[in-house]
Every structure is written in structure tokens, then in C-alpha cells.
């Protein structure tokens, strides 16, 4: 089994590219490499430049490669579709100009991939982690979202050869177990795969190990997060946005939270998952003093746990 552990700019608090407190992208690449990672995601659209020469040179300087691009946006509103397709074109064009990543034997699809996440709905944001109180889309609006995902996935694959993977995310309209099950039914494997995130699964009330096992046949990519149980218990009893909970420290370094990563190492071996796993730890970018320490601790722990 061959596994590669990567990281992502969200560990530095990079989720909203318009946030005035974001660190310089070159610093993120430098610290990712210093912490021992060889792969990194692009982060939200517009954070890293779309200039392949500029980005490629910086990646080479730090011996990094890009494992994924991300669309983190409103997938429901029909008025947003042109922008979603523009993002797809620009991200995939950049990915295809960067150096190839060898496909591991047994890996379902070559990297980099395009991670697609629904986001931007205030009511769902405040209901993150609460399946019982979260408003569900009507069947018609759900199908609009599914059609948008299919458009993105078909464009990314047929024009660029980039596999789209769908990421259930706290505070979006694809979060809870019923929504994940419906997604898998509505988007077949020949259109798109899944990126399952252990932290978001736990936040949404699912058991990470059980869910990875259940959807192993659709699993193209994995994100690892860990959750501080004491902070989680606090924010679950408040009306709070997801990223405000992250600013409170609900996400912690791998191995310091509630998720059992030694158990997951056994499971991933049993499932014969091959390829890439990305470490994430969302935070407020103003709380950046411990980033290098945290991403290094996560990488060190995973090595000790057999990854």
C-alpha cells in the first residue's frame, strides 16, 4: 500500500480568499515544506495565482506538488453556474500545466483532482453539525445542485482529464448522512467520486471509520482532520457558524482529538486505499502563531501511526 500525506492552505486559515488577514501564499508553501509535506492543495479559488509559471517555480523551490484544486462555492443557485464553470476551466487549466503526479498502482484515478464543496448558505452554516435542525433542499433545488455538479465534473474530465470529487462539508447542503446517501445515488461513479473528510464526517454525526468503509467503492481522495472534543461539545450547544467554531479551536492537530487514527490506519489498509490523504485544520488566519507547530505535529503523529 502506498500513501502520500499532503496538506492544504486551510491549515493556515485560508478559506475565504477575500479575508484581509490571510498569510502570503509563498509563506504557506514554505512552511508546508518545512513541516515535511511534499504535496499541497491550491486552496480556495484565487488564493494561489493562476499563472502556472509563477506557481510552478515556487512549488519547485520547495519540492512540492499540487494534489488538488477546490471549488468552494454556492452549488445551488442557477445564477452561479457560469462562475462555477469559469472556476472549473481556470483551475483545471492550471492543474494540467503543472508537473504530472505519478499514479500509484491500485489508485482509482490520477491526481491532481478537483474537490467540489457546496458553501454559502447562512441558515445551513448556523445549523452545521445539527441534522435535526438543518433545512433540507426541496427535491427540485437538490436536482439543480446535482445538475451543476454534473456540469462541473463532465467539464473537468472531458476537457482536462481531471477527476471531480465531491466533499460533504459542515454548513453546506451536502453534509449529513441522508444527503451523502442521496448524492451517491444521484451522481454515478462514472461522473464523479468522493472526497470524504474524517473531521466533517464526525462533525455531521457520522462515524468516520464506518462511513469510509460504507463508501469505499466511491472513495477517490481522503481528508484527515481531528476534533477537540471539549470545544466540540461547547459549540454544539451554541448557535454558531462553522468557521467561527473553527476559530474557537474545534479542529486540532491530528492525534490530539477524538478521532482514532490508529484504527483508521488499519481500516485504510483493509480497504486497500492507495494514493493521497490531505491533512487539514481549519482556523482563523489571525490565530496563526502555532500553524507550523500544528502541521508538523500532525505529520509526525501520522508517521508514528503508520502512515
C-alpha atoms as a PDB file:
ATOM      1  CA  UNK A   1       0.000   0.000   0.000  1.00  0.00           C
ATOM      2  CA  UNK A   2       1.316   3.425  -0.992  1.00  0.00           C
ATOM      3  CA  UNK A   3       0.036   6.507   0.828  1.00  0.00           C
ATOM      4  CA  UNK A   4       1.155  10.106   0.419  1.00  0.00           C
ATOM      5  CA  UNK A   5       0.346  12.652   3.129  1.00  0.00           C
ATOM      6  CA  UNK A   6      -0.293  16.189   1.900  1.00  0.00           C
ATOM      7  CA  UNK A   7      -1.614  19.396   3.436  1.00  0.00           C
ATOM      8  CA  UNK A   8      -3.782  22.362   2.469  1.00  0.00           C
ATOM      9  CA  UNK A   9      -3.847  26.146   2.926  1.00  0.00           C
ATOM     10  CA  UNK A  10      -6.848  25.914   5.270  1.00  0.00           C
ATOM     11  CA  UNK A  11      -4.360  24.865   7.969  1.00  0.00           C
ATOM     12  CA  UNK A  12      -3.159  28.475   7.754  1.00  0.00           C
ATOM     13  CA  UNK A  13      -6.729  29.807   7.941  1.00  0.00           C
ATOM     14  CA  UNK A  14      -7.095  30.168   4.177  1.00  0.00           C
ATOM     15  CA  UNK A  15     -10.741  29.510   3.353  1.00  0.00           C
ATOM     16  CA  UNK A  16     -12.051  32.868   2.133  1.00  0.00           C
ATOM     17  CA  UNK A  17      -9.680  34.349  -0.482  1.00  0.00           C
ATOM     18  CA  UNK A  18     -11.043  37.825   0.312  1.00  0.00           C
ATOM     19  CA  UNK A  19     -10.141  37.638   4.011  1.00  0.00           C
ATOM     20  CA  UNK A  20      -7.687  40.518   4.634  1.00  0.00           C
ATOM     21  CA  UNK A  21      -5.782  38.505   7.256  1.00  0.00           C
ATOM     22  CA  UNK A  22      -4.555  35.686   5.019  1.00  0.00           C
ATOM     23  CA  UNK A  23      -0.853  34.818   5.050  1.00  0.00           C
ATOM     24  CA  UNK A  24       1.153  35.198   1.832  1.00  0.00           C
ATOM     25  CA  UNK A  25       0.813  32.105  -0.315  1.00  0.00           C
ATOM     26  CA  UNK A  26       4.574  31.751  -0.613  1.00  0.00           C
ATOM     27  CA  UNK A  27       4.815  31.516   3.190  1.00  0.00           C
ATOM     28  CA  UNK A  28       2.251  28.710   3.169  1.00  0.00           C
ATOM     29  CA  UNK A  29       4.296  26.746   0.633  1.00  0.00           C
ATOM     30  CA  UNK A  30       7.494  27.353   2.594  1.00  0.00           C
ATOM     31  CA  UNK A  31       6.046  26.200   5.915  1.00  0.00           C
ATOM     32  CA  UNK A  32       4.300  23.200   4.345  1.00  0.00           C
ATOM     33  CA  UNK A  33       7.647  22.027   3.032  1.00  0.00           C
ATOM     34  CA  UNK A  34       9.379  22.776   6.324  1.00  0.00           C
ATOM     35  CA  UNK A  35       6.815  20.622   8.134  1.00  0.00           C
ATOM     36  CA  UNK A  36       7.687  17.658   5.927  1.00  0.00           C
ATOM     37  CA  UNK A  37       4.900  17.653   3.338  1.00  0.00           C
ATOM     38  CA  UNK A  38       5.584  17.082  -0.341  1.00  0.00           C
ATOM     39  CA  UNK A  39       2.037  17.759  -1.554  1.00  0.00           C
ATOM     40  CA  UNK A  40      -0.392  20.638  -1.075  1.00  0.00           C
ATOM     41  CA  UNK A  41      -3.775  21.765  -2.373  1.00  0.00           C
ATOM     42  CA  UNK A  42      -4.295  25.054  -4.207  1.00  0.00           C
ATOM     43  CA  UNK A  43      -6.747  26.263  -1.584  1.00  0.00           C
ATOM     44  CA  UNK A  44      -9.774  28.427  -2.442  1.00  0.00           C
ATOM     45  CA  UNK A  45     -10.081  29.842  -5.932  1.00  0.00           C
ATOM     46  CA  UNK A  46      -7.892  32.891  -6.359  1.00  0.00           C
ATOM     47  CA  UNK A  47      -5.577  32.348  -3.400  1.00  0.00           C
ATOM     48  CA  UNK A  48      -2.650  30.949  -5.350  1.00  0.00           C
ATOM     49  CA  UNK A  49      -2.068  32.704  -8.682  1.00  0.00           C
ATOM     50  CA  UNK A  50      -3.493  31.050 -11.781  1.00  0.00           C
ATOM     51  CA  UNK A  51      -0.143  31.615 -13.515  1.00  0.00           C
ATOM     52  CA  UNK A  52       1.394  28.161 -13.984  1.00  0.00           C
ATOM     53  CA  UNK A  53       4.909  29.525 -14.459  1.00  0.00           C
ATOM     54  CA  UNK A  54       4.828  31.516 -11.204  1.00  0.00           C
ATOM     55  CA  UNK A  55       3.219  28.754  -9.171  1.00  0.00           C
ATOM     56  CA  UNK A  56       5.301  26.013 -10.752  1.00  0.00           C
ATOM     57  CA  UNK A  57       8.559  27.791  -9.944  1.00  0.00           C
ATOM     58  CA  UNK A  58       7.520  28.310  -6.313  1.00  0.00           C
ATOM     59  CA  UNK A  59       6.467  24.675  -5.986  1.00  0.00           C
ATOM     60  CA  UNK A  60       9.767  23.503  -7.412  1.00  0.00           C
ATOM     61  CA  UNK A  61      11.697  25.678  -4.973  1.00  0.00           C
ATOM     62  CA  UNK A  62      10.003  23.881  -2.080  1.00  0.00           C
ATOM     63  CA  UNK A  63       9.889  20.413  -3.701  1.00  0.00           C
ATOM     64  CA  UNK A  64       6.088  20.427  -3.564  1.00  0.00           C
ATOM     65  CA  UNK A  65       3.424  19.260  -5.983  1.00  0.00           C
ATOM     66  CA  UNK A  66      -0.257  20.223  -6.120  1.00  0.00           C
ATOM     67  CA  UNK A  67      -2.624  17.361  -5.344  1.00  0.00           C
ATOM     68  CA  UNK A  68      -5.968  19.154  -5.789  1.00  0.00           C
ATOM     69  CA  UNK A  69      -7.786  22.310  -6.698  1.00  0.00           C
ATOM     70  CA  UNK A  70     -11.004  23.352  -4.992  1.00  0.00           C
ATOM     71  CA  UNK A  71     -14.357  24.888  -5.855  1.00  0.00           C
ATOM     72  CA  UNK A  72     -15.805  26.104  -2.548  1.00  0.00           C
ATOM     73  CA  UNK A  73     -18.947  27.923  -3.568  1.00  0.00           C
ATOM     74  CA  UNK A  74     -22.718  28.014  -3.822  1.00  0.00           C
ATOM     75  CA  UNK A  75     -23.616  24.983  -5.928  1.00  0.00           C
ATOM     76  CA  UNK A  76     -27.375  25.548  -5.628  1.00  0.00           C
ATOM     77  CA  UNK A  77     -28.095  28.945  -7.216  1.00  0.00           C
ATOM     78  CA  UNK A  78     -28.569  28.692 -11.015  1.00  0.00           C
ATOM     79  CA  UNK A  79     -27.195  32.220 -11.383  1.00  0.00           C
ATOM     80  CA  UNK A  80     -23.872  30.929 -10.052  1.00  0.00           C
ATOM     81  CA  UNK A  81     -23.386  28.259 -12.724  1.00  0.00           C
ATOM     82  CA  UNK A  82     -21.387  30.412 -15.187  1.00  0.00           C
ATOM     83  CA  UNK A  83     -18.980  31.326 -12.401  1.00  0.00           C
ATOM     84  CA  UNK A  84     -18.651  27.690 -11.340  1.00  0.00           C
ATOM     85  CA  UNK A  85     -17.770  26.667 -14.872  1.00  0.00           C
ATOM     86  CA  UNK A  86     -15.260  29.506 -15.172  1.00  0.00           C
ATOM     87  CA  UNK A  87     -13.611  28.322 -11.975  1.00  0.00           C
ATOM     88  CA  UNK A  88     -13.546  24.783 -13.344  1.00  0.00           C
ATOM     89  CA  UNK A  89     -11.856  25.902 -16.558  1.00  0.00           C
ATOM     90  CA  UNK A  90      -9.255  28.045 -14.818  1.00  0.00           C
ATOM     91  CA  UNK A  91      -8.390  25.606 -12.027  1.00  0.00           C
ATOM     92  CA  UNK A  92      -8.143  22.586 -14.325  1.00  0.00           C
ATOM     93  CA  UNK A  93      -6.104  24.507 -16.901  1.00  0.00           C
ATOM     94  CA  UNK A  94      -3.624  25.396 -14.162  1.00  0.00           C
ATOM     95  CA  UNK A  95      -3.513  21.840 -12.822  1.00  0.00           C
ATOM     96  CA  UNK A  96      -2.741  20.425 -16.262  1.00  0.00           C
ATOM     97  CA  UNK A  97       0.168  22.837 -16.741  1.00  0.00           C
ATOM     98  CA  UNK A  98       1.857  21.748 -13.511  1.00  0.00           C
ATOM     99  CA  UNK A  99       4.125  18.670 -13.364  1.00  0.00           C
ATOM    100  CA  UNK A 100       2.358  15.310 -13.509  1.00  0.00           C
ATOM    101  CA  UNK A 101       1.951  13.235 -10.362  1.00  0.00           C
ATOM    102  CA  UNK A 102       2.625   9.513 -10.902  1.00  0.00           C
ATOM    103  CA  UNK A 103      -0.441   7.332 -10.403  1.00  0.00           C
ATOM    104  CA  UNK A 104       0.136   4.655  -7.795  1.00  0.00           C
ATOM    105  CA  UNK A 105      -0.756   1.015  -8.565  1.00  0.00           C
ATOM    106  CA  UNK A 106      -4.310   0.471  -7.378  1.00  0.00           C
ATOM    107  CA  UNK A 107      -5.126   4.181  -7.198  1.00  0.00           C
ATOM    108  CA  UNK A 108      -8.560   4.774  -8.719  1.00  0.00           C
ATOM    109  CA  UNK A 109      -7.690   7.988 -10.565  1.00  0.00           C
ATOM    110  CA  UNK A 110      -4.553  10.018 -11.067  1.00  0.00           C
ATOM    111  CA  UNK A 111      -4.042  13.217  -9.117  1.00  0.00           C
ATOM    112  CA  UNK A 112      -4.498  16.125  -9.060  1.00  0.00           C
ATOM    113  CA  UNK A 113      -8.262  16.149  -8.663  1.00  0.00           C
ATOM    114  CA  UNK A 114     -10.907  18.873  -8.406  1.00  0.00           C
ATOM    115  CA  UNK A 115     -12.589  18.977  -4.983  1.00  0.00           C
ATOM    116  CA  UNK A 116     -16.135  20.379  -5.148  1.00  0.00           C
ATOM    117  CA  UNK A 117     -17.828  21.712  -1.993  1.00  0.00           C
ATOM    118  CA  UNK A 118     -21.181  23.423  -1.557  1.00  0.00           C
ATOM    119  CA  UNK A 119     -20.950  26.562   0.562  1.00  0.00           C
ATOM    120  CA  UNK A 120     -22.540  29.959   1.100  1.00  0.00           C
ATOM    121  CA  UNK A 121     -25.896  29.408   2.822  1.00  0.00           C
ATOM    122  CA  UNK A 122     -26.364  31.253   6.109  1.00  0.00           C
ATOM    123  CA  UNK A 123     -29.124  29.059   7.522  1.00  0.00           C
ATOM    124  CA  UNK A 124     -27.155  25.884   6.899  1.00  0.00           C
ATOM    125  CA  UNK A 125     -23.977  27.469   8.250  1.00  0.00           C
ATOM    126  CA  UNK A 126     -25.657  28.102  11.606  1.00  0.00           C
ATOM    127  CA  UNK A 127     -27.041  24.541  11.567  1.00  0.00           C
ATOM    128  CA  UNK A 128     -23.640  22.904  10.925  1.00  0.00           C
ATOM    129  CA  UNK A 129     -23.453  19.626  12.815  1.00  0.00           C
ATOM    130  CA  UNK A 130     -27.190  19.587  13.614  1.00  0.00           C
ATOM    131  CA  UNK A 131     -29.001  17.232  11.278  1.00  0.00           C
ATOM    132  CA  UNK A 132     -32.248  17.648  13.186  1.00  0.00           C
ATOM    133  CA  UNK A 133     -32.449  21.408  12.693  1.00  0.00           C
ATOM    134  CA  UNK A 134     -30.835  21.872   9.257  1.00  0.00           C
ATOM    135  CA  UNK A 135     -33.192  22.854   6.447  1.00  0.00           C
ATOM    136  CA  UNK A 136     -33.047  20.437   3.525  1.00  0.00           C
ATOM    137  CA  UNK A 137     -33.298  21.499  -0.103  1.00  0.00           C
ATOM    138  CA  UNK A 138     -36.553  20.744  -1.886  1.00  0.00           C
ATOM    139  CA  UNK A 139     -36.276  17.847  -4.367  1.00  0.00           C
ATOM    140  CA  UNK A 140     -36.282  20.343  -7.249  1.00  0.00           C
ATOM    141  CA  UNK A 141     -33.491  22.509  -5.812  1.00  0.00           C
ATOM    142  CA  UNK A 142     -31.477  19.420  -4.904  1.00  0.00           C
ATOM    143  CA  UNK A 143     -31.652  18.272  -8.519  1.00  0.00           C
ATOM    144  CA  UNK A 144     -30.492  21.700  -9.681  1.00  0.00           C
ATOM    145  CA  UNK A 145     -27.434  21.290  -7.449  1.00  0.00           C
ATOM    146  CA  UNK A 146     -26.864  17.786  -8.823  1.00  0.00           C
ATOM    147  CA  UNK A 147     -27.035  19.111 -12.391  1.00  0.00           C
ATOM    148  CA  UNK A 148     -24.455  21.780 -11.548  1.00  0.00           C
ATOM    149  CA  UNK A 149     -22.117  19.139 -10.099  1.00  0.00           C
ATOM    150  CA  UNK A 150     -22.525  17.015 -13.216  1.00  0.00           C
ATOM    151  CA  UNK A 151     -21.699  20.003 -15.425  1.00  0.00           C
ATOM    152  CA  UNK A 152     -18.528  20.695 -13.429  1.00  0.00           C
ATOM    153  CA  UNK A 153     -17.486  17.050 -13.387  1.00  0.00           C
ATOM    154  CA  UNK A 154     -18.096  16.490 -17.091  1.00  0.00           C
ATOM    155  CA  UNK A 155     -16.176  19.647 -17.994  1.00  0.00           C
ATOM    156  CA  UNK A 156     -13.226  18.817 -15.744  1.00  0.00           C
ATOM    157  CA  UNK A 157     -12.950  15.268 -17.054  1.00  0.00           C
ATOM    158  CA  UNK A 158     -13.763  15.572 -20.748  1.00  0.00           C
ATOM    159  CA  UNK A 159     -11.777  18.752 -21.421  1.00  0.00           C
ATOM    160  CA  UNK A 160      -8.914  18.368 -18.941  1.00  0.00           C
ATOM    161  CA  UNK A 161      -8.786  14.768 -17.721  1.00  0.00           C
ATOM    162  CA  UNK A 162      -9.189  15.957 -14.109  1.00  0.00           C
ATOM    163  CA  UNK A 163     -11.381  13.823 -11.843  1.00  0.00           C
ATOM    164  CA  UNK A 164     -14.007  15.688  -9.803  1.00  0.00           C
ATOM    165  CA  UNK A 165     -14.574  14.526  -6.232  1.00  0.00           C
ATOM    166  CA  UNK A 166     -17.428  15.766  -4.065  1.00  0.00           C
ATOM    167  CA  UNK A 167     -16.691  16.740  -0.466  1.00  0.00           C
ATOM    168  CA  UNK A 168     -19.500  16.729   2.136  1.00  0.00           C
ATOM    169  CA  UNK A 169     -18.812  19.802   4.287  1.00  0.00           C
ATOM    170  CA  UNK A 170     -20.183  21.202   7.543  1.00  0.00           C
ATOM    171  CA  UNK A 171     -22.508  24.108   6.829  1.00  0.00           C
ATOM    172  CA  UNK A 172     -23.233  23.184   3.203  1.00  0.00           C
ATOM    173  CA  UNK A 173     -26.170  21.410   1.613  1.00  0.00           C
ATOM    174  CA  UNK A 174     -24.180  18.182   1.323  1.00  0.00           C
ATOM    175  CA  UNK A 175     -23.298  17.428   4.935  1.00  0.00           C
ATOM    176  CA  UNK A 176     -25.363  14.760   6.666  1.00  0.00           C
ATOM    177  CA  UNK A 177     -25.750  11.009   6.192  1.00  0.00           C
ATOM    178  CA  UNK A 178     -29.028  11.267   4.260  1.00  0.00           C
ATOM    179  CA  UNK A 179     -27.536  13.877   1.914  1.00  0.00           C
ATOM    180  CA  UNK A 180     -24.418  11.813   1.296  1.00  0.00           C
ATOM    181  CA  UNK A 181     -26.555   8.764   0.514  1.00  0.00           C
ATOM    182  CA  UNK A 182     -28.709  10.762  -1.909  1.00  0.00           C
ATOM    183  CA  UNK A 183     -25.635  12.268  -3.553  1.00  0.00           C
ATOM    184  CA  UNK A 184     -24.145   8.831  -4.245  1.00  0.00           C
ATOM    185  CA  UNK A 185     -27.454   7.729  -5.737  1.00  0.00           C
ATOM    186  CA  UNK A 186     -27.779  10.793  -7.974  1.00  0.00           C
ATOM    187  CA  UNK A 187     -24.153  11.188  -9.144  1.00  0.00           C
ATOM    188  CA  UNK A 188     -22.824   7.884 -10.531  1.00  0.00           C
ATOM    189  CA  UNK A 189     -19.199   6.857 -10.214  1.00  0.00           C
ATOM    190  CA  UNK A 190     -18.515   7.432 -13.887  1.00  0.00           C
ATOM    191  CA  UNK A 191     -19.308  11.119 -13.333  1.00  0.00           C
ATOM    192  CA  UNK A 192     -17.585  11.907 -10.014  1.00  0.00           C
ATOM    193  CA  UNK A 193     -16.120  10.309  -6.921  1.00  0.00           C
ATOM    194  CA  UNK A 194     -15.994  11.230  -3.255  1.00  0.00           C
ATOM    195  CA  UNK A 195     -13.559  13.071  -1.046  1.00  0.00           C
ATOM    196  CA  UNK A 196     -14.506  12.098   2.488  1.00  0.00           C
ATOM    197  CA  UNK A 197     -13.181  14.148   5.381  1.00  0.00           C
ATOM    198  CA  UNK A 198     -12.904  12.489   8.773  1.00  0.00           C
ATOM    199  CA  UNK A 199     -13.461  15.733  10.674  1.00  0.00           C
ATOM    200  CA  UNK A 200     -16.515  16.779   8.701  1.00  0.00           C
ATOM    201  CA  UNK A 201     -17.987  13.295   8.984  1.00  0.00           C
ATOM    202  CA  UNK A 202     -17.629  13.416  12.758  1.00  0.00           C
ATOM    203  CA  UNK A 203     -18.954  16.986  12.923  1.00  0.00           C
ATOM    204  CA  UNK A 204     -22.035  15.850  10.972  1.00  0.00           C
ATOM    205  CA  UNK A 205     -22.759  12.983  13.356  1.00  0.00           C
ATOM    206  CA  UNK A 206     -21.289  10.152  11.286  1.00  0.00           C
ATOM    207  CA  UNK A 207     -18.671   7.655  12.383  1.00  0.00           C
ATOM    208  CA  UNK A 208     -15.615   8.304  10.185  1.00  0.00           C
ATOM    209  CA  UNK A 209     -14.472   4.675  10.035  1.00  0.00           C
ATOM    210  CA  UNK A 210     -17.933   3.286   9.299  1.00  0.00           C
ATOM    211  CA  UNK A 211     -18.554   5.899   6.606  1.00  0.00           C
ATOM    212  CA  UNK A 212     -15.206   5.333   4.891  1.00  0.00           C
ATOM    213  CA  UNK A 213     -15.991   1.627   4.830  1.00  0.00           C
ATOM    214  CA  UNK A 214     -19.524   2.189   3.515  1.00  0.00           C
ATOM    215  CA  UNK A 215     -18.392   4.371   0.615  1.00  0.00           C
ATOM    216  CA  UNK A 216     -15.015   2.800  -0.114  1.00  0.00           C
ATOM    217  CA  UNK A 217     -16.190   1.900  -3.621  1.00  0.00           C
ATOM    218  CA  UNK A 218     -16.600   5.616  -4.400  1.00  0.00           C
ATOM    219  CA  UNK A 219     -13.606   6.925  -2.458  1.00  0.00           C
ATOM    220  CA  UNK A 220     -11.037   8.746  -4.600  1.00  0.00           C
ATOM    221  CA  UNK A 221      -9.479  11.050  -2.002  1.00  0.00           C
ATOM    222  CA  UNK A 222      -9.388  11.446   1.795  1.00  0.00           C
ATOM    223  CA  UNK A 223      -9.028  14.451   4.082  1.00  0.00           C
ATOM    224  CA  UNK A 224      -7.861  13.972   7.659  1.00  0.00           C
ATOM    225  CA  UNK A 225      -8.902  16.315  10.458  1.00  0.00           C
ATOM    226  CA  UNK A 226      -9.155  15.890  14.204  1.00  0.00           C
ATOM    227  CA  UNK A 227     -11.648  17.409  16.623  1.00  0.00           C
ATOM    228  CA  UNK A 228     -11.114  18.751  20.120  1.00  0.00           C
ATOM    229  CA  UNK A 229     -13.970  17.069  21.976  1.00  0.00           C
ATOM    230  CA  UNK A 230     -14.260  19.707  24.712  1.00  0.00           C
ATOM    231  CA  UNK A 231     -14.575  22.570  22.195  1.00  0.00           C
ATOM    232  CA  UNK A 232     -16.910  20.489  20.035  1.00  0.00           C
ATOM    233  CA  UNK A 233     -19.238  19.896  22.983  1.00  0.00           C
ATOM    234  CA  UNK A 234     -19.291  23.634  23.673  1.00  0.00           C
ATOM    235  CA  UNK A 235     -20.041  24.800  20.132  1.00  0.00           C
ATOM    236  CA  UNK A 236     -22.711  22.150  19.616  1.00  0.00           C
ATOM    237  CA  UNK A 237     -24.636  23.880  22.391  1.00  0.00           C
ATOM    238  CA  UNK A 238     -24.386  27.300  20.748  1.00  0.00           C
ATOM    239  CA  UNK A 239     -25.806  28.968  17.660  1.00  0.00           C
ATOM    240  CA  UNK A 240     -22.532  29.429  15.826  1.00  0.00           C
ATOM    241  CA  UNK A 241     -21.212  29.458  12.274  1.00  0.00           C
ATOM    242  CA  UNK A 242     -18.882  26.651  11.297  1.00  0.00           C
ATOM    243  CA  UNK A 243     -15.789  28.781  10.770  1.00  0.00           C
ATOM    244  CA  UNK A 244     -16.460  30.643  13.998  1.00  0.00           C
ATOM    245  CA  UNK A 245     -16.312  27.243  15.696  1.00  0.00           C
ATOM    246  CA  UNK A 246     -13.009  26.632  13.914  1.00  0.00           C
ATOM    247  CA  UNK A 247     -11.719  29.958  15.214  1.00  0.00           C
ATOM    248  CA  UNK A 248     -12.561  28.687  18.694  1.00  0.00           C
ATOM    249  CA  UNK A 249     -10.276  25.692  18.111  1.00  0.00           C
ATOM    250  CA  UNK A 250     -12.750  22.894  17.359  1.00  0.00           C
ATOM    251  CA  UNK A 251     -10.209  21.474  14.902  1.00  0.00           C
ATOM    252  CA  UNK A 252      -6.915  20.381  16.440  1.00  0.00           C
ATOM    253  CA  UNK A 253      -3.726  18.644  15.267  1.00  0.00           C
ATOM    254  CA  UNK A 254      -4.092  15.010  14.227  1.00  0.00           C
ATOM    255  CA  UNK A 255      -3.718  12.697  17.204  1.00  0.00           C
ATOM    256  CA  UNK A 256      -4.764  15.304  19.776  1.00  0.00           C
ATOM    257  CA  UNK A 257      -8.518  14.905  19.318  1.00  0.00           C
ATOM    258  CA  UNK A 258     -11.342  12.426  19.433  1.00  0.00           C
ATOM    259  CA  UNK A 259     -10.736  10.537  16.159  1.00  0.00           C
ATOM    260  CA  UNK A 260      -8.817   7.275  16.397  1.00  0.00           C
ATOM    261  CA  UNK A 261      -6.206   7.415  13.642  1.00  0.00           C
ATOM    262  CA  UNK A 262      -4.541   4.136  14.530  1.00  0.00           C
ATOM    263  CA  UNK A 263      -7.879   2.445  13.932  1.00  0.00           C
ATOM    264  CA  UNK A 264      -8.210   4.330  10.665  1.00  0.00           C
ATOM    265  CA  UNK A 265      -4.757   3.166   9.604  1.00  0.00           C
ATOM    266  CA  UNK A 266      -5.902  -0.432   9.967  1.00  0.00           C
ATOM    267  CA  UNK A 267      -9.115   0.292   8.088  1.00  0.00           C
ATOM    268  CA  UNK A 268      -7.379   2.041   5.198  1.00  0.00           C
ATOM    269  CA  UNK A 269      -5.064  -0.949   4.883  1.00  0.00           C
ATOM    270  CA  UNK A 270      -8.027  -3.298   4.907  1.00  0.00           C
ATOM    271  CA  UNK A 271      -9.761  -1.243   2.211  1.00  0.00           C
ATOM    272  CA  UNK A 272      -6.541  -1.195   0.177  1.00  0.00           C
ATOM    273  CA  UNK A 273      -6.869   2.542  -0.369  1.00  0.00           C
ATOM    274  CA  UNK A 274      -3.967   3.831  -2.462  1.00  0.00           C
ATOM    275  CA  UNK A 275      -2.851   7.371  -3.109  1.00  0.00           C
ATOM    276  CA  UNK A 276      -3.288  10.669  -1.336  1.00  0.00           C
ATOM    277  CA  UNK A 277      -4.502  11.821   2.064  1.00  0.00           C
ATOM    278  CA  UNK A 278      -4.508  15.519   2.943  1.00  0.00           C
ATOM    279  CA  UNK A 279      -4.211  16.894   6.473  1.00  0.00           C
ATOM    280  CA  UNK A 280      -6.381  19.896   7.292  1.00  0.00           C
ATOM    281  CA  UNK A 281      -7.022  22.005  10.387  1.00  0.00           C
ATOM    282  CA  UNK A 282      -9.302  24.978   9.791  1.00  0.00           C
ATOM    283  CA  UNK A 283      -8.631  28.057  11.905  1.00  0.00           C
ATOM    284  CA  UNK A 284      -8.927  31.827  11.920  1.00  0.00           C
ATOM    285  CA  UNK A 285      -5.908  33.149   9.974  1.00  0.00           C
ATOM    286  CA  UNK A 286      -5.317  35.627  12.801  1.00  0.00           C
ATOM    287  CA  UNK A 287      -4.565  32.640  15.040  1.00  0.00           C
ATOM    288  CA  UNK A 288      -1.513  31.700  13.034  1.00  0.00           C
ATOM    289  CA  UNK A 289       1.236  31.554  15.639  1.00  0.00           C
ATOM    290  CA  UNK A 290       1.000  27.783  16.067  1.00  0.00           C
ATOM    291  CA  UNK A 291       0.443  26.760  12.430  1.00  0.00           C
ATOM    292  CA  UNK A 292       3.914  25.407  11.735  1.00  0.00           C
ATOM    293  CA  UNK A 293       3.950  23.596  15.075  1.00  0.00           C
ATOM    294  CA  UNK A 294       0.488  22.117  14.445  1.00  0.00           C
ATOM    295  CA  UNK A 295       1.036  20.914  10.865  1.00  0.00           C
ATOM    296  CA  UNK A 296       4.368  19.417  11.923  1.00  0.00           C
ATOM    297  CA  UNK A 297       2.716  17.667  14.882  1.00  0.00           C
ATOM    298  CA  UNK A 298       0.039  16.212  12.596  1.00  0.00           C
ATOM    299  CA  UNK A 299       2.624  14.920  10.138  1.00  0.00           C
ATOM    300  CA  UNK A 300       4.763  13.457  12.911  1.00  0.00           C
ATOM    301  CA  UNK A 301       1.825  11.722  14.549  1.00  0.00           C
ATOM    302  CA  UNK A 302       0.671  10.154  11.296  1.00  0.00           C
ATOM    303  CA  UNK A 303       4.158   8.808  10.670  1.00  0.00           C
ATOM    304  CA  UNK A 304       4.158   7.259  14.137  1.00  0.00           C
ATOM    305  CA  UNK A 305       0.699   5.796  13.450  1.00  0.00           C
ATOM    306  CA  UNK A 306       1.991   4.007  10.367  1.00  0.00           C
ATOM    307  CA  UNK A 307       1.001   6.403   7.584  1.00  0.00           C
END
